[in-house]
Amino acid sequence: MDKAMKEKFVGIVSDFIAMTGIYLADDVEAAILRLAESETGESAKTMYGCILDDLKLAKELHRPLCQDTGVLQFFLDVGTEFPYMNELKDVLYEASAKSTMETPLRPNVVEPLGEHNTGNNVGYDAPYIEVELVPNSSDLRLRMYMAGGGCSLPGRSKVLMPLEGVEGVKKFVYETIVEWGINACPPLCIGIGLGTCAPTSGMLSKKALLRPIGTRNENPAVAALEDEIEKDLNHLGIAPLGFGGDNSVLSVNIECAGHHPATLGVGITTGCWATRRGEMIIHKDLSTEIISHKNSIRG
C-alpha cells in the first residue's frame, strides 16, 4: 500500500470513529425515541428530554454525545482476498490516534498497571482488535464499539453448574443488572453470551451487544429467552439514568455456542443508553458502505 492509499484508509476509519462517537446508530436512536414517547413518569420524561437535547446538540456542534468516548474496540470480518490485510493494525492504530485529536475523543487508554495515560487512545494492545477471516471475499466488514467506563462496570462472566440451566442463567443476569445496571446509564442494551467457559461466554456477550436492536437469535428457544429476559428486566423500573421509569432496557440480545456437558458459561456485556457502535463495509478499492448510520449520514 502506497502512502496516499494508506492516508486514505486511515482517513476513512478516523471519520468512521468520529461518526460513531457523535451519532447514535439508527436502531439505537429509534429505540430511545420510542421509549421517550411511551414514558409516563414525569421524572423519566425530564431525563429523556435531557437525552434528546444531548443528541440534538451533538449533531449541531459535531461533538461526541458523551464525554466518555470509551476505549475503542474493533471487530473485523476480513475477506481472505482483501488486499490490505497486512496494514490493518497500523491503519486502526493511526486512525484511533487521528480521531482522538480531531473529533476530539477523550484520551482513555492507560497502560497496564502503571496507569499512565497514553494521551491518544493508543497503547499496549489498544485499541482492541478481534479478527475473523471470511473465505472467498475481498471485503472488510468493520464493526466498532466505544467501551465506556460506566457501561463496562456491569460486565461479568461466570461458569455455572449445568444443572443450574436456564434458571441459573436468568438469576445471574437479573442479579447483575439489579446490582450494577444503574452504573451503566440506563436504559441499557444488554448482550448475553452462553458457552463453555468464562472467556468464550464473555466474547459471545460482546458480539451479542453488537447486534442491532430488534433482531432475534435464529434459534427459537434462545429468541424466546431474549424476549423473556427483556420483559422481566423492564419491570425493574430503574431507567432512564436511574431516576425511575417504565422501561429499563433497550434490548436483550443473546449469542451462544455449544458447551461442555459439565459446564454452562454465561457472560454479560452492557451498553448504556448511548451505546456507540458502528458498522461499515470497506471494499478492496476502499469504497465504503455505512451500515449502522444510514439516517445519520443523510441528515
C-alpha atoms as a PDB file:
ATOM      1  CA  MET A   1       0.000   0.000   0.000  1.00  0.00           C
ATOM      2  CA  ASP A   2       1.485   3.330  -1.028  1.00  0.00           C
ATOM      3  CA  LYS A   3       1.458   6.415   1.195  1.00  0.00           C
ATOM      4  CA  ALA A   4      -1.554   8.039  -0.462  1.00  0.00           C
ATOM      5  CA  MET A   5      -3.670   4.890  -0.206  1.00  0.00           C
ATOM      6  CA  LYS A   6      -2.726   4.417   3.435  1.00  0.00           C
ATOM      7  CA  GLU A   7      -3.646   8.017   4.258  1.00  0.00           C
ATOM      8  CA  LYS A   8      -6.997   7.481   2.543  1.00  0.00           C
ATOM      9  CA  PHE A   9      -7.611   4.273   4.500  1.00  0.00           C
ATOM     10  CA  VAL A  10      -6.681   5.963   7.801  1.00  0.00           C
ATOM     11  CA  GLY A  11      -8.995   8.866   6.983  1.00  0.00           C
ATOM     12  CA  ILE A  12     -11.909   6.529   6.252  1.00  0.00           C
ATOM     13  CA  VAL A  13     -11.550   4.759   9.595  1.00  0.00           C
ATOM     14  CA  SER A  14     -10.930   8.006  11.501  1.00  0.00           C
ATOM     15  CA  ASP A  15     -14.122   9.531  10.070  1.00  0.00           C
ATOM     16  CA  PHE A  16     -15.979   6.326  10.948  1.00  0.00           C
ATOM     17  CA  ILE A  17     -14.795   6.562  14.564  1.00  0.00           C
ATOM     18  CA  ALA A  18     -15.908  10.193  14.758  1.00  0.00           C
ATOM     19  CA  MET A  19     -19.316   9.363  13.295  1.00  0.00           C
ATOM     20  CA  THR A  20     -19.818   6.591  15.830  1.00  0.00           C
ATOM     21  CA  GLY A  21     -18.995   8.911  18.714  1.00  0.00           C
ATOM     22  CA  ILE A  22     -21.203  11.786  17.547  1.00  0.00           C
ATOM     23  CA  TYR A  23     -24.261   9.959  16.183  1.00  0.00           C
ATOM     24  CA  LEU A  24     -26.099   7.004  17.664  1.00  0.00           C
ATOM     25  CA  ALA A  25     -26.643   4.078  15.335  1.00  0.00           C
ATOM     26  CA  ASP A  26     -30.044   4.324  13.659  1.00  0.00           C
ATOM     27  CA  ASP A  27     -31.565   1.447  15.630  1.00  0.00           C
ATOM     28  CA  VAL A  28     -30.348   2.767  18.998  1.00  0.00           C
ATOM     29  CA  GLU A  29     -31.686   6.273  18.379  1.00  0.00           C
ATOM     30  CA  ALA A  30     -35.022   4.874  17.171  1.00  0.00           C
ATOM     31  CA  ALA A  31     -35.313   2.783  20.352  1.00  0.00           C
ATOM     32  CA  ILE A  32     -34.559   5.819  22.541  1.00  0.00           C
ATOM     33  CA  LEU A  33     -37.211   7.868  20.733  1.00  0.00           C
ATOM     34  CA  ARG A  34     -39.730   5.049  21.108  1.00  0.00           C
ATOM     35  CA  LEU A  35     -39.187   4.759  24.862  1.00  0.00           C
ATOM     36  CA  ALA A  36     -39.203   8.527  25.319  1.00  0.00           C
ATOM     37  CA  GLU A  37     -42.568   8.807  23.570  1.00  0.00           C
ATOM     38  CA  SER A  38     -44.118   5.988  25.594  1.00  0.00           C
ATOM     39  CA  GLU A  39     -42.808   7.059  29.005  1.00  0.00           C
ATOM     40  CA  THR A  40     -45.443   8.032  31.585  1.00  0.00           C
ATOM     41  CA  GLY A  41     -43.398   9.151  34.615  1.00  0.00           C
ATOM     42  CA  GLU A  42     -42.665  12.853  34.967  1.00  0.00           C
ATOM     43  CA  SER A  43     -39.062  12.496  36.191  1.00  0.00           C
ATOM     44  CA  ALA A  44     -38.378   9.961  33.463  1.00  0.00           C
ATOM     45  CA  LYS A  45     -39.830  12.314  30.843  1.00  0.00           C
ATOM     46  CA  THR A  46     -37.463  15.009  32.101  1.00  0.00           C
ATOM     47  CA  MET A  47     -34.481  12.667  31.805  1.00  0.00           C
ATOM     48  CA  TYR A  48     -35.448  11.659  28.278  1.00  0.00           C
ATOM     49  CA  GLY A  49     -35.729  15.353  27.475  1.00  0.00           C
ATOM     50  CA  CYS A  50     -32.097  15.761  28.573  1.00  0.00           C
ATOM     51  CA  ILE A  51     -31.062  12.767  26.460  1.00  0.00           C
ATOM     52  CA  LEU A  52     -32.810  14.112  23.360  1.00  0.00           C
ATOM     53  CA  ASP A  53     -31.275  17.569  23.904  1.00  0.00           C
ATOM     54  CA  ASP A  54     -27.875  15.910  24.129  1.00  0.00           C
ATOM     55  CA  LEU A  55     -28.385  14.071  20.837  1.00  0.00           C
ATOM     56  CA  LYS A  56     -29.505  17.291  19.147  1.00  0.00           C
ATOM     57  CA  LEU A  57     -26.528  19.312  20.404  1.00  0.00           C
ATOM     58  CA  ALA A  58     -24.032  16.607  19.473  1.00  0.00           C
ATOM     59  CA  LYS A  59     -25.263  16.734  15.886  1.00  0.00           C
ATOM     60  CA  GLU A  60     -25.388  20.534  15.734  1.00  0.00           C
ATOM     61  CA  LEU A  61     -21.955  21.053  17.300  1.00  0.00           C
ATOM     62  CA  HIS A  62     -20.424  17.941  15.706  1.00  0.00           C
ATOM     63  CA  ARG A  63     -19.053  16.810  19.047  1.00  0.00           C
ATOM     64  CA  PRO A  64     -19.177  13.439  20.852  1.00  0.00           C
ATOM     65  CA  LEU A  65     -22.516  12.879  22.573  1.00  0.00           C
ATOM     66  CA  CYS A  66     -20.825  11.710  25.795  1.00  0.00           C
ATOM     67  CA  GLN A  67     -17.608  12.929  27.395  1.00  0.00           C
ATOM     68  CA  ASP A  68     -16.589   9.307  27.997  1.00  0.00           C
ATOM     69  CA  THR A  69     -15.740   8.181  24.488  1.00  0.00           C
ATOM     70  CA  GLY A  70     -14.529   4.868  25.865  1.00  0.00           C
ATOM     71  CA  VAL A  71     -11.760   2.542  24.815  1.00  0.00           C
ATOM     72  CA  LEU A  72     -12.013   1.741  21.114  1.00  0.00           C
ATOM     73  CA  GLN A  73     -12.694  -1.859  20.172  1.00  0.00           C
ATOM     74  CA  PHE A  74     -12.712  -3.172  16.598  1.00  0.00           C
ATOM     75  CA  PHE A  75     -14.307  -6.376  15.360  1.00  0.00           C
ATOM     76  CA  LEU A  76     -13.224  -7.265  11.842  1.00  0.00           C
ATOM     77  CA  ASP A  77     -14.584  -9.805   9.381  1.00  0.00           C
ATOM     78  CA  VAL A  78     -11.768  -9.769   6.855  1.00  0.00           C
ATOM     79  CA  GLY A  79     -12.125 -11.328   3.441  1.00  0.00           C
ATOM     80  CA  THR A  80      -9.188 -13.572   2.613  1.00  0.00           C
ATOM     81  CA  GLU A  81      -8.879 -11.656  -0.665  1.00  0.00           C
ATOM     82  CA  PHE A  82      -8.928  -8.191   0.941  1.00  0.00           C
ATOM     83  CA  PRO A  83      -5.687  -6.644  -0.349  1.00  0.00           C
ATOM     84  CA  TYR A  84      -4.646  -4.682   2.749  1.00  0.00           C
ATOM     85  CA  MET A  85      -4.652  -7.297   5.491  1.00  0.00           C
ATOM     86  CA  ASN A  86      -1.023  -6.607   6.381  1.00  0.00           C
ATOM     87  CA  GLU A  87      -1.733  -2.939   7.030  1.00  0.00           C
ATOM     88  CA  LEU A  88      -4.882  -3.318   9.108  1.00  0.00           C
ATOM     89  CA  LYS A  89      -3.377  -2.989  12.581  1.00  0.00           C
ATOM     90  CA  ASP A  90      -1.312   0.068  11.671  1.00  0.00           C
ATOM     91  CA  VAL A  91      -4.318   1.694   9.998  1.00  0.00           C
ATOM     92  CA  LEU A  92      -6.583   1.134  13.007  1.00  0.00           C
ATOM     93  CA  TYR A  93      -3.986   2.460  15.437  1.00  0.00           C
ATOM     94  CA  GLU A  94      -3.236   5.531  13.335  1.00  0.00           C
ATOM     95  CA  ALA A  95      -6.936   6.208  12.777  1.00  0.00           C
ATOM     96  CA  SER A  96      -7.615   5.957  16.519  1.00  0.00           C
ATOM     97  CA  ALA A  97      -4.890   8.495  17.305  1.00  0.00           C
ATOM     98  CA  LYS A  98      -6.027  10.775  14.477  1.00  0.00           C
ATOM     99  CA  SER A  99      -9.674  10.726  15.561  1.00  0.00           C
ATOM    100  CA  THR A 100      -8.655  11.328  19.184  1.00  0.00           C
ATOM    101  CA  MET A 101      -7.041  14.606  18.159  1.00  0.00           C
ATOM    102  CA  GLU A 102      -9.536  15.728  15.515  1.00  0.00           C
ATOM    103  CA  THR A 103     -13.005  14.661  16.725  1.00  0.00           C
ATOM    104  CA  PRO A 104     -11.882  15.062  19.551  1.00  0.00           C
ATOM    105  CA  LEU A 105     -12.115  11.970  21.750  1.00  0.00           C
ATOM    106  CA  ARG A 106     -11.216  11.883  25.430  1.00  0.00           C
ATOM    107  CA  PRO A 107      -7.915  10.023  25.941  1.00  0.00           C
ATOM    108  CA  ASN A 108      -8.936   6.969  27.970  1.00  0.00           C
ATOM    109  CA  VAL A 109      -6.192   4.411  27.446  1.00  0.00           C
ATOM    110  CA  VAL A 110      -3.892   3.846  30.405  1.00  0.00           C
ATOM    111  CA  GLU A 111      -1.045   1.365  30.231  1.00  0.00           C
ATOM    112  CA  PRO A 112      -1.402  -1.891  32.208  1.00  0.00           C
ATOM    113  CA  LEU A 113      -0.791  -1.476  35.971  1.00  0.00           C
ATOM    114  CA  GLY A 114       1.220   1.725  35.603  1.00  0.00           C
ATOM    115  CA  GLU A 115      -1.925   3.818  34.977  1.00  0.00           C
ATOM    116  CA  HIS A 116      -0.010   6.104  32.625  1.00  0.00           C
ATOM    117  CA  ASN A 117      -2.409   7.696  30.131  1.00  0.00           C
ATOM    118  CA  THR A 118      -1.001   7.482  26.619  1.00  0.00           C
ATOM    119  CA  GLY A 119      -2.836  10.629  25.535  1.00  0.00           C
ATOM    120  CA  ASN A 120      -4.073   9.353  22.167  1.00  0.00           C
ATOM    121  CA  ASN A 121      -6.174   6.209  22.876  1.00  0.00           C
ATOM    122  CA  VAL A 122      -3.377   4.010  21.546  1.00  0.00           C
ATOM    123  CA  GLY A 123      -1.288   1.840  23.825  1.00  0.00           C
ATOM    124  CA  TYR A 124      -0.257  -1.689  24.699  1.00  0.00           C
ATOM    125  CA  ASP A 125      -2.715  -3.832  22.690  1.00  0.00           C
ATOM    126  CA  ALA A 126      -5.068  -0.855  22.471  1.00  0.00           C
ATOM    127  CA  PRO A 127      -7.316  -0.342  20.642  1.00  0.00           C
ATOM    128  CA  TYR A 128      -8.585  -3.905  20.991  1.00  0.00           C
ATOM    129  CA  ILE A 129      -8.846  -5.797  17.687  1.00  0.00           C
ATOM    130  CA  GLU A 130     -10.717  -9.061  17.076  1.00  0.00           C
ATOM    131  CA  VAL A 131     -10.374 -10.667  13.615  1.00  0.00           C
ATOM    132  CA  GLU A 132     -12.339 -13.367  11.825  1.00  0.00           C
ATOM    133  CA  LEU A 133     -11.477 -14.484   8.289  1.00  0.00           C
ATOM    134  CA  VAL A 134     -14.131 -14.758   5.595  1.00  0.00           C
ATOM    135  CA  PRO A 135     -13.224 -17.114   2.722  1.00  0.00           C
ATOM    136  CA  ASN A 136     -13.757 -16.025  -0.891  1.00  0.00           C
ATOM    137  CA  SER A 137     -14.415 -12.391  -0.016  1.00  0.00           C
ATOM    138  CA  SER A 138     -12.499  -9.219  -0.856  1.00  0.00           C
ATOM    139  CA  ASP A 139     -14.411  -7.015   1.607  1.00  0.00           C
ATOM    140  CA  LEU A 140     -13.668  -5.839   5.128  1.00  0.00           C
ATOM    141  CA  ARG A 141     -16.638  -5.687   7.482  1.00  0.00           C
ATOM    142  CA  LEU A 142     -15.595  -3.324  10.254  1.00  0.00           C
ATOM    143  CA  ARG A 143     -17.593  -3.042  13.466  1.00  0.00           C
ATOM    144  CA  MET A 144     -16.502  -0.676  16.217  1.00  0.00           C
ATOM    145  CA  TYR A 145     -17.596  -0.215  19.822  1.00  0.00           C
ATOM    146  CA  MET A 146     -16.739   2.525  22.290  1.00  0.00           C
ATOM    147  CA  ALA A 147     -16.407   0.749  25.651  1.00  0.00           C
ATOM    148  CA  GLY A 148     -17.131   3.430  28.233  1.00  0.00           C
ATOM    149  CA  GLY A 149     -16.363   3.101  31.925  1.00  0.00           C
ATOM    150  CA  GLY A 150     -19.892   3.053  33.327  1.00  0.00           C
ATOM    151  CA  CYS A 151     -21.290   0.634  30.778  1.00  0.00           C
ATOM    152  CA  SER A 152     -18.318  -1.700  31.276  1.00  0.00           C
ATOM    153  CA  LEU A 153     -18.769  -1.915  35.067  1.00  0.00           C
ATOM    154  CA  PRO A 154     -21.617  -4.491  34.992  1.00  0.00           C
ATOM    155  CA  GLY A 155     -19.654  -6.811  32.705  1.00  0.00           C
ATOM    156  CA  ARG A 156     -19.481 -10.278  34.222  1.00  0.00           C
ATOM    157  CA  SER A 157     -18.669 -13.869  33.208  1.00  0.00           C
ATOM    158  CA  LYS A 158     -19.309 -16.965  35.267  1.00  0.00           C
ATOM    159  CA  VAL A 159     -19.352 -20.715  34.769  1.00  0.00           C
ATOM    160  CA  LEU A 160     -22.469 -22.367  36.161  1.00  0.00           C
ATOM    161  CA  MET A 161     -23.013 -25.982  37.040  1.00  0.00           C
ATOM    162  CA  PRO A 162     -25.002 -27.430  34.145  1.00  0.00           C
ATOM    163  CA  LEU A 163     -27.976 -28.357  36.322  1.00  0.00           C
ATOM    164  CA  GLU A 164     -28.484 -24.656  37.067  1.00  0.00           C
ATOM    165  CA  GLY A 165     -29.634 -24.412  33.453  1.00  0.00           C
ATOM    166  CA  VAL A 166     -31.747 -21.582  32.090  1.00  0.00           C
ATOM    167  CA  GLU A 167     -32.953 -20.578  35.557  1.00  0.00           C
ATOM    168  CA  GLY A 168     -29.347 -20.166  36.646  1.00  0.00           C
ATOM    169  CA  VAL A 169     -28.645 -18.001  33.604  1.00  0.00           C
ATOM    170  CA  LYS A 170     -31.626 -15.776  34.346  1.00  0.00           C
ATOM    171  CA  LYS A 171     -30.706 -15.464  38.013  1.00  0.00           C
ATOM    172  CA  PHE A 172     -27.150 -14.422  37.132  1.00  0.00           C
ATOM    173  CA  VAL A 173     -28.388 -11.829  34.643  1.00  0.00           C
ATOM    174  CA  TYR A 174     -31.042 -10.390  36.963  1.00  0.00           C
ATOM    175  CA  GLU A 175     -28.705 -10.160  39.956  1.00  0.00           C
ATOM    176  CA  THR A 176     -26.008  -8.489  37.862  1.00  0.00           C
ATOM    177  CA  ILE A 177     -28.320  -5.851  36.420  1.00  0.00           C
ATOM    178  CA  VAL A 178     -30.055  -5.170  39.745  1.00  0.00           C
ATOM    179  CA  GLU A 179     -26.717  -4.679  41.490  1.00  0.00           C
ATOM    180  CA  TRP A 180     -24.715  -2.930  38.780  1.00  0.00           C
ATOM    181  CA  GLY A 181     -27.035  -1.793  35.988  1.00  0.00           C
ATOM    182  CA  ILE A 182     -27.625   1.680  37.358  1.00  0.00           C
ATOM    183  CA  ASN A 183     -23.905   2.460  36.918  1.00  0.00           C
ATOM    184  CA  ALA A 184     -24.233   1.997  33.161  1.00  0.00           C
ATOM    185  CA  CYS A 185     -26.658   4.891  32.492  1.00  0.00           C
ATOM    186  CA  PRO A 186     -29.868   3.018  31.607  1.00  0.00           C
ATOM    187  CA  PRO A 187     -31.937   2.217  29.618  1.00  0.00           C
ATOM    188  CA  LEU A 188     -29.434  -0.479  28.717  1.00  0.00           C
ATOM    189  CA  CYS A 189     -28.508  -2.572  25.747  1.00  0.00           C
ATOM    190  CA  ILE A 190     -27.623  -5.987  27.147  1.00  0.00           C
ATOM    191  CA  GLY A 191     -25.572  -8.665  25.450  1.00  0.00           C
ATOM    192  CA  ILE A 192     -25.568 -12.169  26.923  1.00  0.00           C
ATOM    193  CA  GLY A 193     -23.232 -14.979  25.888  1.00  0.00           C
ATOM    194  CA  LEU A 194     -23.683 -18.678  26.596  1.00  0.00           C
ATOM    195  CA  GLY A 195     -20.832 -21.135  26.140  1.00  0.00           C
ATOM    196  CA  THR A 196     -18.415 -23.476  27.893  1.00  0.00           C
ATOM    197  CA  CYS A 197     -16.092 -21.155  29.829  1.00  0.00           C
ATOM    198  CA  ALA A 198     -15.890 -17.597  31.084  1.00  0.00           C
ATOM    199  CA  PRO A 199     -13.776 -16.123  28.219  1.00  0.00           C
ATOM    200  CA  THR A 200     -15.880 -17.547  25.393  1.00  0.00           C
ATOM    201  CA  SER A 201     -19.109 -16.543  27.116  1.00  0.00           C
ATOM    202  CA  GLY A 202     -17.790 -13.027  27.644  1.00  0.00           C
ATOM    203  CA  MET A 203     -16.800 -12.634  23.985  1.00  0.00           C
ATOM    204  CA  LEU A 204     -20.133 -14.006  22.819  1.00  0.00           C
ATOM    205  CA  SER A 205     -21.868 -11.430  25.030  1.00  0.00           C
ATOM    206  CA  LYS A 206     -19.880  -8.659  23.338  1.00  0.00           C
ATOM    207  CA  LYS A 207     -20.871  -9.956  19.912  1.00  0.00           C
ATOM    208  CA  ALA A 208     -24.473 -10.072  21.084  1.00  0.00           C
ATOM    209  CA  LEU A 209     -24.244  -6.419  22.077  1.00  0.00           C
ATOM    210  CA  LEU A 210     -23.058  -5.535  18.567  1.00  0.00           C
ATOM    211  CA  ARG A 211     -26.237  -6.975  17.052  1.00  0.00           C
ATOM    212  CA  PRO A 212     -28.897  -4.415  16.058  1.00  0.00           C
ATOM    213  CA  ILE A 213     -31.825  -3.756  18.360  1.00  0.00           C
ATOM    214  CA  GLY A 214     -34.915  -5.669  17.293  1.00  0.00           C
ATOM    215  CA  THR A 215     -33.072  -8.659  15.871  1.00  0.00           C
ATOM    216  CA  ARG A 216     -33.590 -12.067  17.420  1.00  0.00           C
ATOM    217  CA  ASN A 217     -31.386 -15.141  17.669  1.00  0.00           C
ATOM    218  CA  GLU A 218     -32.151 -17.631  14.906  1.00  0.00           C
ATOM    219  CA  ASN A 219     -32.597 -20.396  17.499  1.00  0.00           C
ATOM    220  CA  PRO A 220     -36.274 -20.187  18.579  1.00  0.00           C
ATOM    221  CA  ALA A 221     -35.561 -21.234  22.177  1.00  0.00           C
ATOM    222  CA  VAL A 222     -32.830 -18.616  22.520  1.00  0.00           C
ATOM    223  CA  ALA A 223     -35.052 -15.963  20.918  1.00  0.00           C
ATOM    224  CA  ALA A 224     -37.789 -16.788  23.427  1.00  0.00           C
ATOM    225  CA  LEU A 225     -35.278 -16.352  26.259  1.00  0.00           C
ATOM    226  CA  GLU A 226     -34.288 -12.953  24.855  1.00  0.00           C
ATOM    227  CA  ASP A 227     -37.928 -11.884  24.983  1.00  0.00           C
ATOM    228  CA  GLU A 228     -38.417 -13.240  28.495  1.00  0.00           C
ATOM    229  CA  ILE A 229     -35.344 -11.574  29.998  1.00  0.00           C
ATOM    230  CA  GLU A 230     -36.110  -8.261  28.264  1.00  0.00           C
ATOM    231  CA  LYS A 231     -39.660  -8.276  29.617  1.00  0.00           C
ATOM    232  CA  ASP A 232     -38.515  -9.145  33.134  1.00  0.00           C
ATOM    233  CA  LEU A 233     -35.750  -6.524  33.244  1.00  0.00           C
ATOM    234  CA  ASN A 234     -38.165  -3.821  32.124  1.00  0.00           C
ATOM    235  CA  HIS A 235     -40.047  -4.427  35.363  1.00  0.00           C
ATOM    236  CA  LEU A 236     -37.063  -3.133  37.367  1.00  0.00           C
ATOM    237  CA  GLY A 237     -38.099   0.466  36.812  1.00  0.00           C
ATOM    238  CA  ILE A 238     -34.594   1.949  37.117  1.00  0.00           C
ATOM    239  CA  ALA A 239     -34.496   3.777  33.807  1.00  0.00           C
ATOM    240  CA  PRO A 240     -33.761   6.325  32.471  1.00  0.00           C
ATOM    241  CA  LEU A 241     -30.474   7.239  34.129  1.00  0.00           C
ATOM    242  CA  GLY A 242     -31.612   5.572  37.324  1.00  0.00           C
ATOM    243  CA  PHE A 243     -34.392   8.080  38.006  1.00  0.00           C
ATOM    244  CA  GLY A 244     -37.147   5.500  37.565  1.00  0.00           C
ATOM    245  CA  GLY A 245     -39.252   4.793  34.524  1.00  0.00           C
ATOM    246  CA  ASP A 246     -41.381   2.354  32.591  1.00  0.00           C
ATOM    247  CA  ASN A 247     -38.512   0.573  30.809  1.00  0.00           C
ATOM    248  CA  SER A 248     -35.003  -0.319  31.937  1.00  0.00           C
ATOM    249  CA  VAL A 249     -33.575  -1.871  28.762  1.00  0.00           C
ATOM    250  CA  LEU A 250     -33.422  -1.023  25.092  1.00  0.00           C
ATOM    251  CA  SER A 251     -32.644  -4.587  24.065  1.00  0.00           C
ATOM    252  CA  VAL A 252     -31.527  -8.015  25.219  1.00  0.00           C
ATOM    253  CA  ASN A 253     -29.506 -10.000  22.690  1.00  0.00           C
ATOM    254  CA  ILE A 254     -28.083 -13.480  23.259  1.00  0.00           C
ATOM    255  CA  GLU A 255     -25.354 -15.267  21.325  1.00  0.00           C
ATOM    256  CA  CYS A 256     -24.493 -18.863  22.192  1.00  0.00           C
ATOM    257  CA  ALA A 257     -22.315 -21.806  21.275  1.00  0.00           C
ATOM    258  CA  GLY A 258     -22.415 -25.489  22.053  1.00  0.00           C
ATOM    259  CA  HIS A 259     -20.954 -26.091  25.508  1.00  0.00           C
ATOM    260  CA  HIS A 260     -19.353 -28.863  27.520  1.00  0.00           C
ATOM    261  CA  PRO A 261     -21.903 -31.109  29.284  1.00  0.00           C
ATOM    262  CA  ALA A 262     -20.263 -30.379  32.651  1.00  0.00           C
ATOM    263  CA  THR A 263     -20.331 -26.576  32.391  1.00  0.00           C
ATOM    264  CA  LEU A 264     -22.573 -23.706  31.350  1.00  0.00           C
ATOM    265  CA  GLY A 265     -20.753 -20.419  30.926  1.00  0.00           C
ATOM    266  CA  VAL A 266     -22.684 -17.142  30.933  1.00  0.00           C
ATOM    267  CA  GLY A 267     -21.343 -13.673  30.188  1.00  0.00           C
ATOM    268  CA  ILE A 268     -22.895 -10.210  30.280  1.00  0.00           C
ATOM    269  CA  THR A 269     -21.870  -7.057  28.442  1.00  0.00           C
ATOM    270  CA  THR A 270     -23.904  -3.885  28.855  1.00  0.00           C
ATOM    271  CA  GLY A 271     -24.215  -0.779  26.759  1.00  0.00           C
ATOM    272  CA  CYS A 272     -25.588   2.484  28.139  1.00  0.00           C
ATOM    273  CA  TRP A 273     -28.438   4.454  26.550  1.00  0.00           C
ATOM    274  CA  ALA A 274     -25.689   5.919  24.378  1.00  0.00           C
ATOM    275  CA  THR A 275     -24.487   2.562  23.067  1.00  0.00           C
ATOM    276  CA  ARG A 276     -21.983   3.744  20.498  1.00  0.00           C
ATOM    277  CA  ARG A 277     -21.345   1.089  17.935  1.00  0.00           C
ATOM    278  CA  GLY A 278     -20.884   1.364  14.219  1.00  0.00           C
ATOM    279  CA  GLU A 279     -20.683  -0.938  11.237  1.00  0.00           C
ATOM    280  CA  MET A 280     -19.362  -0.367   7.752  1.00  0.00           C
ATOM    281  CA  ILE A 281     -18.129  -2.324   4.739  1.00  0.00           C
ATOM    282  CA  ILE A 282     -14.836  -1.360   3.105  1.00  0.00           C
ATOM    283  CA  HIS A 283     -14.331  -2.778  -0.370  1.00  0.00           C
ATOM    284  CA  LYS A 284     -10.975  -3.652  -1.896  1.00  0.00           C
ATOM    285  CA  ASP A 285     -10.898  -0.339  -3.798  1.00  0.00           C
ATOM    286  CA  LEU A 286     -11.554   1.482  -0.463  1.00  0.00           C
ATOM    287  CA  SER A 287     -15.065   2.468  -1.434  1.00  0.00           C
ATOM    288  CA  THR A 288     -17.345   2.164   1.573  1.00  0.00           C
ATOM    289  CA  GLU A 289     -20.870   1.365   2.650  1.00  0.00           C
ATOM    290  CA  ILE A 290     -22.163   2.578   6.013  1.00  0.00           C
ATOM    291  CA  ILE A 291     -24.495   0.001   7.576  1.00  0.00           C
ATOM    292  CA  SER A 292     -25.307   1.338  11.034  1.00  0.00           C
ATOM    293  CA  HIS A 293     -25.827   5.055  10.404  1.00  0.00           C
ATOM    294  CA  LYS A 294     -27.749   5.420   7.151  1.00  0.00           C
ATOM    295  CA  ASN A 295     -30.105   8.044   8.602  1.00  0.00           C
ATOM    296  CA  SER A 296     -27.271   9.972  10.245  1.00  0.00           C
ATOM    297  CA  ILE A 297     -25.222  10.356   7.092  1.00  0.00           C
ATOM    298  CA  ARG A 298     -28.303  11.532   5.187  1.00  0.00           C
ATOM    299  CA  GLY A 299     -29.171  14.120   7.798  1.00  0.00           C
END
